[in-house]
Amino acid sequence: MSDPLAAALDRLSRVPGVRGALVVDVAAGVPVVAEVEAEVDPAALAALAASVFRQTDRATEAAEFGRLRTVQLEARAGHVIVAGAGDLALVVVAAEDAQLGLIRLEAHRTVEAFP
C-alpha cells in the first residue's frame, strides 16, 4: 500500500457524501489501495471503473476529443466518479444526494497530487 495514495483517499473519504474511494490500476482493473464502506466491493468496483474508463478513453480519442479526464456514472443508489491519472484512476463512490461538484473538485485535486 502506498502511503501518499492512502493519505489522499483518507482526505477524500472525509468529504460529505463520499461512501468510499479507491485507486485503481486501469490496465489490470484491480484496486491498488481502497477505503470504502463495508457494503462496497472494491474488486468489483475497480473492475467496472477500469473497464468503463478504458473504453470511454478510447472512444474520446477516436472522436478526437483528446484524453479522457473524468467519467461519472449515476445509479439508483448513488454515483461513481472516475478520474484518470495516467496508469491509475481515482474512483469515488458518492451518495445519491452528495454534492457532486465538490466531490469532482476534490477528485481532480487528488489525482493532480498522485506520485
N, C-alpha and C. Protein backbone atom coordinates (compact mmCIF):
# COMPACT_ATOMS: atom_id res chain seq x y z
N MET A 1 0.85 -1.17 0.00
CA MET A 1 0.00 0.00 0.00
C MET A 1 0.89 1.23 0.00
N SER A 2 0.54 2.19 -0.82
CA SER A 2 1.31 3.41 -0.93
C SER A 2 0.80 4.45 0.06
N ASP A 3 1.67 4.93 0.92
CA ASP A 3 1.26 5.89 1.94
C ASP A 3 0.68 7.18 1.37
N PRO A 4 1.29 7.80 0.34
CA PRO A 4 0.69 9.03 -0.21
C PRO A 4 -0.70 8.77 -0.81
N LEU A 5 -0.88 7.62 -1.45
CA LEU A 5 -2.19 7.30 -2.02
C LEU A 5 -3.21 7.04 -0.91
N ALA A 6 -2.80 6.33 0.12
CA ALA A 6 -3.71 6.07 1.24
C ALA A 6 -4.10 7.36 1.93
N ALA A 7 -3.15 8.27 2.09
CA ALA A 7 -3.45 9.57 2.71
C ALA A 7 -4.41 10.37 1.85
N ALA A 8 -4.24 10.31 0.54
CA ALA A 8 -5.15 11.02 -0.37
C ALA A 8 -6.56 10.47 -0.27
N LEU A 9 -6.68 9.14 -0.20
CA LEU A 9 -8.01 8.53 -0.06
C LEU A 9 -8.64 8.88 1.27
N ASP A 10 -7.84 8.94 2.31
CA ASP A 10 -8.36 9.30 3.62
C ASP A 10 -8.95 10.71 3.59
N ARG A 11 -8.25 11.66 2.99
CA ARG A 11 -8.77 13.03 2.88
C ARG A 11 -10.06 13.07 2.06
N LEU A 12 -10.04 12.38 0.93
CA LEU A 12 -11.21 12.38 0.06
C LEU A 12 -12.41 11.73 0.73
N SER A 13 -12.17 10.68 1.50
CA SER A 13 -13.27 9.97 2.16
C SER A 13 -13.95 10.81 3.24
N ARG A 14 -13.32 11.89 3.64
CA ARG A 14 -13.91 12.79 4.64
C ARG A 14 -14.86 13.82 4.04
N VAL A 15 -14.92 13.91 2.73
CA VAL A 15 -15.83 14.84 2.06
C VAL A 15 -17.26 14.34 2.27
N PRO A 16 -18.16 15.21 2.70
CA PRO A 16 -19.55 14.78 2.92
C PRO A 16 -20.15 14.12 1.67
N GLY A 17 -20.80 12.99 1.88
CA GLY A 17 -21.44 12.27 0.78
C GLY A 17 -20.59 11.20 0.15
N VAL A 18 -19.29 11.17 0.44
CA VAL A 18 -18.40 10.16 -0.13
C VAL A 18 -18.53 8.88 0.69
N ARG A 19 -18.88 7.80 0.02
CA ARG A 19 -19.03 6.48 0.65
C ARG A 19 -17.78 5.64 0.54
N GLY A 20 -16.86 6.08 -0.26
CA GLY A 20 -15.61 5.36 -0.41
C GLY A 20 -14.82 5.86 -1.59
N ALA A 21 -13.54 5.52 -1.58
CA ALA A 21 -12.67 5.91 -2.69
C ALA A 21 -11.59 4.85 -2.84
N LEU A 22 -11.15 4.68 -4.06
CA LEU A 22 -10.06 3.74 -4.31
C LEU A 22 -9.23 4.20 -5.49
N VAL A 23 -7.99 3.77 -5.49
CA VAL A 23 -7.10 3.98 -6.62
C VAL A 23 -7.02 2.66 -7.35
N VAL A 24 -7.19 2.73 -8.67
CA VAL A 24 -7.29 1.53 -9.50
C VAL A 24 -6.18 1.53 -10.54
N ASP A 25 -5.60 0.38 -10.77
CA ASP A 25 -4.70 0.17 -11.90
C ASP A 25 -5.61 -0.01 -13.11
N VAL A 26 -5.61 0.95 -14.02
CA VAL A 26 -6.56 0.95 -15.13
C VAL A 26 -6.36 -0.24 -16.06
N ALA A 27 -5.14 -0.60 -16.35
CA ALA A 27 -4.89 -1.72 -17.27
C ALA A 27 -5.33 -3.06 -16.68
N ALA A 28 -5.07 -3.26 -15.40
CA ALA A 28 -5.38 -4.55 -14.77
C ALA A 28 -6.79 -4.60 -14.19
N GLY A 29 -7.36 -3.44 -13.91
CA GLY A 29 -8.70 -3.40 -13.33
C GLY A 29 -8.76 -3.86 -11.89
N VAL A 30 -7.68 -3.63 -11.15
CA VAL A 30 -7.63 -4.06 -9.76
C VAL A 30 -7.34 -2.86 -8.85
N PRO A 31 -7.83 -2.93 -7.61
CA PRO A 31 -7.55 -1.82 -6.68
C PRO A 31 -6.09 -1.84 -6.23
N VAL A 32 -5.49 -0.67 -6.16
CA VAL A 32 -4.14 -0.50 -5.63
C VAL A 32 -4.25 -0.23 -4.13
N VAL A 33 -5.19 0.64 -3.78
CA VAL A 33 -5.48 0.97 -2.39
C VAL A 33 -6.95 1.39 -2.34
N ALA A 34 -7.64 1.03 -1.25
CA ALA A 34 -9.07 1.32 -1.16
C ALA A 34 -9.45 1.69 0.26
N GLU A 35 -10.40 2.60 0.35
CA GLU A 35 -11.03 2.95 1.61
C GLU A 35 -12.52 3.12 1.30
N VAL A 36 -13.28 2.05 1.52
CA VAL A 36 -14.70 2.05 1.17
C VAL A 36 -15.53 1.49 2.31
N GLU A 37 -16.83 1.84 2.29
CA GLU A 37 -17.75 1.29 3.27
C GLU A 37 -17.86 -0.22 3.07
N ALA A 38 -18.29 -0.92 4.11
CA ALA A 38 -18.32 -2.38 4.09
C ALA A 38 -19.16 -2.95 2.95
N GLU A 39 -20.25 -2.29 2.57
CA GLU A 39 -21.12 -2.85 1.53
C GLU A 39 -20.60 -2.61 0.11
N VAL A 40 -19.50 -1.90 -0.04
CA VAL A 40 -18.91 -1.65 -1.35
C VAL A 40 -17.82 -2.69 -1.60
N ASP A 41 -17.91 -3.43 -2.69
CA ASP A 41 -16.92 -4.44 -3.06
C ASP A 41 -15.82 -3.77 -3.89
N PRO A 42 -14.65 -3.55 -3.31
CA PRO A 42 -13.62 -2.81 -4.04
C PRO A 42 -13.13 -3.51 -5.32
N ALA A 43 -13.08 -4.83 -5.31
CA ALA A 43 -12.62 -5.55 -6.51
C ALA A 43 -13.62 -5.39 -7.66
N ALA A 44 -14.90 -5.53 -7.37
CA ALA A 44 -15.92 -5.38 -8.41
C ALA A 44 -15.97 -3.94 -8.91
N LEU A 45 -15.88 -2.99 -8.00
CA LEU A 45 -15.91 -1.59 -8.38
C LEU A 45 -14.69 -1.23 -9.22
N ALA A 46 -13.52 -1.74 -8.84
CA ALA A 46 -12.30 -1.47 -9.61
C ALA A 46 -12.41 -2.02 -11.02
N ALA A 47 -12.93 -3.24 -11.16
CA ALA A 47 -13.08 -3.83 -12.50
C ALA A 47 -14.05 -3.03 -13.35
N LEU A 48 -15.18 -2.64 -12.78
CA LEU A 48 -16.17 -1.83 -13.50
C LEU A 48 -15.58 -0.50 -13.92
N ALA A 49 -14.99 0.21 -12.98
CA ALA A 49 -14.45 1.54 -13.26
C ALA A 49 -13.35 1.51 -14.30
N ALA A 50 -12.44 0.56 -14.18
CA ALA A 50 -11.33 0.46 -15.14
C ALA A 50 -11.84 0.16 -16.54
N SER A 51 -12.79 -0.75 -16.65
CA SER A 51 -13.34 -1.11 -17.95
C SER A 51 -14.05 0.09 -18.60
N VAL A 52 -14.89 0.75 -17.84
CA VAL A 52 -15.62 1.92 -18.37
C VAL A 52 -14.63 3.01 -18.76
N PHE A 53 -13.64 3.24 -17.92
CA PHE A 53 -12.68 4.30 -18.20
C PHE A 53 -11.86 3.99 -19.45
N ARG A 54 -11.35 2.75 -19.57
CA ARG A 54 -10.56 2.37 -20.75
C ARG A 54 -11.37 2.54 -22.03
N GLN A 55 -12.58 2.00 -22.04
CA GLN A 55 -13.42 2.05 -23.25
C GLN A 55 -13.78 3.48 -23.62
N THR A 56 -14.14 4.28 -22.63
CA THR A 56 -14.52 5.67 -22.89
C THR A 56 -13.32 6.48 -23.34
N ASP A 57 -12.15 6.21 -22.77
CA ASP A 57 -10.93 6.91 -23.18
C ASP A 57 -10.62 6.62 -24.64
N ARG A 58 -10.74 5.37 -25.04
CA ARG A 58 -10.51 5.01 -26.46
C ARG A 58 -11.49 5.74 -27.37
N ALA A 59 -12.74 5.79 -26.95
CA ALA A 59 -13.77 6.45 -27.77
C ALA A 59 -13.53 7.95 -27.88
N THR A 60 -13.14 8.60 -26.79
CA THR A 60 -12.90 10.04 -26.85
C THR A 60 -11.69 10.36 -27.72
N GLU A 61 -10.68 9.52 -27.64
CA GLU A 61 -9.51 9.74 -28.50
C GLU A 61 -9.87 9.51 -29.97
N ALA A 62 -10.65 8.47 -30.26
CA ALA A 62 -11.06 8.20 -31.64
C ALA A 62 -11.92 9.34 -32.19
N ALA A 63 -12.70 9.97 -31.34
CA ALA A 63 -13.54 11.10 -31.75
C ALA A 63 -12.77 12.42 -31.73
N GLU A 64 -11.48 12.34 -31.45
CA GLU A 64 -10.57 13.49 -31.42
C GLU A 64 -10.94 14.52 -30.36
N PHE A 65 -11.41 14.02 -29.21
CA PHE A 65 -11.66 14.89 -28.06
C PHE A 65 -10.46 14.92 -27.12
N GLY A 66 -9.46 14.10 -27.40
CA GLY A 66 -8.29 14.04 -26.53
C GLY A 66 -8.47 13.03 -25.41
N ARG A 67 -7.52 13.05 -24.47
CA ARG A 67 -7.54 12.10 -23.36
C ARG A 67 -8.70 12.39 -22.42
N LEU A 68 -9.28 11.34 -21.94
CA LEU A 68 -10.40 11.42 -21.01
C LEU A 68 -9.90 11.86 -19.64
N ARG A 69 -10.64 12.75 -18.99
CA ARG A 69 -10.29 13.18 -17.64
C ARG A 69 -11.20 12.54 -16.59
N THR A 70 -12.51 12.54 -16.86
CA THR A 70 -13.46 12.07 -15.85
C THR A 70 -14.64 11.37 -16.50
N VAL A 71 -15.10 10.31 -15.83
CA VAL A 71 -16.34 9.62 -16.19
C VAL A 71 -17.20 9.61 -14.95
N GLN A 72 -18.48 9.88 -15.12
CA GLN A 72 -19.40 9.85 -13.99
C GLN A 72 -20.58 8.95 -14.32
N LEU A 73 -20.83 7.99 -13.43
CA LEU A 73 -21.96 7.08 -13.58
C LEU A 73 -23.00 7.43 -12.53
N GLU A 74 -24.25 7.37 -12.91
CA GLU A 74 -25.34 7.64 -11.97
C GLU A 74 -26.22 6.40 -11.90
N ALA A 75 -26.47 5.93 -10.70
CA ALA A 75 -27.33 4.77 -10.49
C ALA A 75 -28.34 5.11 -9.40
N ARG A 76 -29.26 4.22 -9.15
CA ARG A 76 -30.28 4.48 -8.14
C ARG A 76 -29.71 4.69 -6.75
N ALA A 77 -28.63 3.99 -6.44
CA ALA A 77 -28.06 4.07 -5.10
C ALA A 77 -27.00 5.16 -4.95
N GLY A 78 -26.65 5.85 -6.03
CA GLY A 78 -25.65 6.90 -5.92
C GLY A 78 -24.85 7.07 -7.19
N HIS A 79 -23.64 7.55 -7.02
CA HIS A 79 -22.80 7.93 -8.16
C HIS A 79 -21.42 7.29 -8.03
N VAL A 80 -20.80 7.08 -9.18
CA VAL A 80 -19.41 6.64 -9.25
C VAL A 80 -18.70 7.64 -10.16
N ILE A 81 -17.65 8.24 -9.63
CA ILE A 81 -16.86 9.20 -10.39
C ILE A 81 -15.47 8.60 -10.56
N VAL A 82 -14.99 8.58 -11.81
CA VAL A 82 -13.68 8.02 -12.12
C VAL A 82 -12.85 9.13 -12.76
N ALA A 83 -11.73 9.47 -12.12
CA ALA A 83 -10.83 10.50 -12.63
C ALA A 83 -9.50 9.85 -12.97
N GLY A 84 -9.05 10.03 -14.20
CA GLY A 84 -7.83 9.39 -14.65
C GLY A 84 -6.58 10.13 -14.25
N ALA A 85 -5.52 9.35 -14.04
CA ALA A 85 -4.21 9.89 -13.70
C ALA A 85 -3.14 8.97 -14.27
N GLY A 86 -3.00 8.96 -15.59
CA GLY A 86 -2.02 8.09 -16.23
C GLY A 86 -2.46 6.64 -16.17
N ASP A 87 -1.61 5.80 -15.57
CA ASP A 87 -1.92 4.37 -15.46
C ASP A 87 -2.89 4.07 -14.32
N LEU A 88 -3.16 5.08 -13.51
CA LEU A 88 -4.05 4.92 -12.37
C LEU A 88 -5.32 5.74 -12.57
N ALA A 89 -6.34 5.36 -11.84
CA ALA A 89 -7.57 6.15 -11.82
C ALA A 89 -8.07 6.21 -10.39
N LEU A 90 -8.64 7.33 -10.05
CA LEU A 90 -9.27 7.51 -8.76
C LEU A 90 -10.76 7.24 -8.94
N VAL A 91 -11.31 6.37 -8.11
CA VAL A 91 -12.72 6.03 -8.18
C VAL A 91 -13.37 6.48 -6.87
N VAL A 92 -14.43 7.26 -6.99
CA VAL A 92 -15.13 7.77 -5.81
C VAL A 92 -16.57 7.29 -5.88
N VAL A 93 -17.05 6.72 -4.78
CA VAL A 93 -18.45 6.31 -4.65
C VAL A 93 -19.13 7.37 -3.80
N ALA A 94 -20.20 7.94 -4.34
CA ALA A 94 -20.89 9.02 -3.63
C ALA A 94 -22.36 8.69 -3.44
N ALA A 95 -22.90 9.18 -2.36
CA ALA A 95 -24.32 9.00 -2.07
C ALA A 95 -25.17 9.72 -3.11
N GLU A 96 -26.41 9.31 -3.22
CA GLU A 96 -27.32 9.87 -4.21
C GLU A 96 -27.49 11.38 -4.05
N ASP A 97 -27.49 11.87 -2.81
CA ASP A 97 -27.71 13.29 -2.56
C ASP A 97 -26.43 14.08 -2.31
N ALA A 98 -25.29 13.52 -2.68
CA ALA A 98 -24.00 14.16 -2.45
C ALA A 98 -23.83 15.39 -3.33
N GLN A 99 -22.98 16.31 -2.88
CA GLN A 99 -22.65 17.50 -3.67
C GLN A 99 -21.55 17.10 -4.67
N LEU A 100 -22.00 16.76 -5.87
CA LEU A 100 -21.08 16.20 -6.86
C LEU A 100 -20.03 17.19 -7.33
N GLY A 101 -20.37 18.45 -7.40
CA GLY A 101 -19.38 19.45 -7.81
C GLY A 101 -18.19 19.48 -6.87
N LEU A 102 -18.47 19.47 -5.58
CA LEU A 102 -17.41 19.47 -4.58
C LEU A 102 -16.58 18.18 -4.67
N ILE A 103 -17.26 17.07 -4.83
CA ILE A 103 -16.56 15.79 -4.92
C ILE A 103 -15.68 15.72 -6.16
N ARG A 104 -16.20 16.19 -7.29
CA ARG A 104 -15.38 16.20 -8.52
C ARG A 104 -14.17 17.11 -8.37
N LEU A 105 -14.35 18.27 -7.74
CA LEU A 105 -13.24 19.19 -7.50
C LEU A 105 -12.17 18.51 -6.64
N GLU A 106 -12.59 17.87 -5.57
CA GLU A 106 -11.64 17.18 -4.70
C GLU A 106 -10.98 16.00 -5.42
N ALA A 107 -11.74 15.31 -6.25
CA ALA A 107 -11.17 14.19 -7.01
C ALA A 107 -10.07 14.69 -7.96
N HIS A 108 -10.31 15.79 -8.64
CA HIS A 108 -9.30 16.33 -9.55
C HIS A 108 -8.08 16.83 -8.79
N ARG A 109 -8.28 17.44 -7.64
CA ARG A 109 -7.15 17.86 -6.82
C ARG A 109 -6.34 16.65 -6.37
N THR A 110 -7.03 15.59 -6.05
CA THR A 110 -6.37 14.37 -5.58
C THR A 110 -5.51 13.75 -6.68
N VAL A 111 -6.06 13.60 -7.90
CA VAL A 111 -5.27 12.97 -8.97
C VAL A 111 -4.10 13.84 -9.41
N GLU A 112 -4.23 15.16 -9.28
CA GLU A 112 -3.12 16.03 -9.62
C GLU A 112 -1.94 15.84 -8.66
N ALA A 113 -2.23 15.37 -7.45
CA ALA A 113 -1.18 15.17 -6.45
C ALA A 113 -0.63 13.73 -6.45
N PHE A 114 -1.14 12.87 -7.34
CA PHE A 114 -0.63 11.50 -7.39
C PHE A 114 0.86 11.52 -7.70
N PRO A 115 1.58 10.58 -7.10
CA PRO A 115 3.03 10.49 -7.37
C PRO A 115 3.30 10.03 -8.79
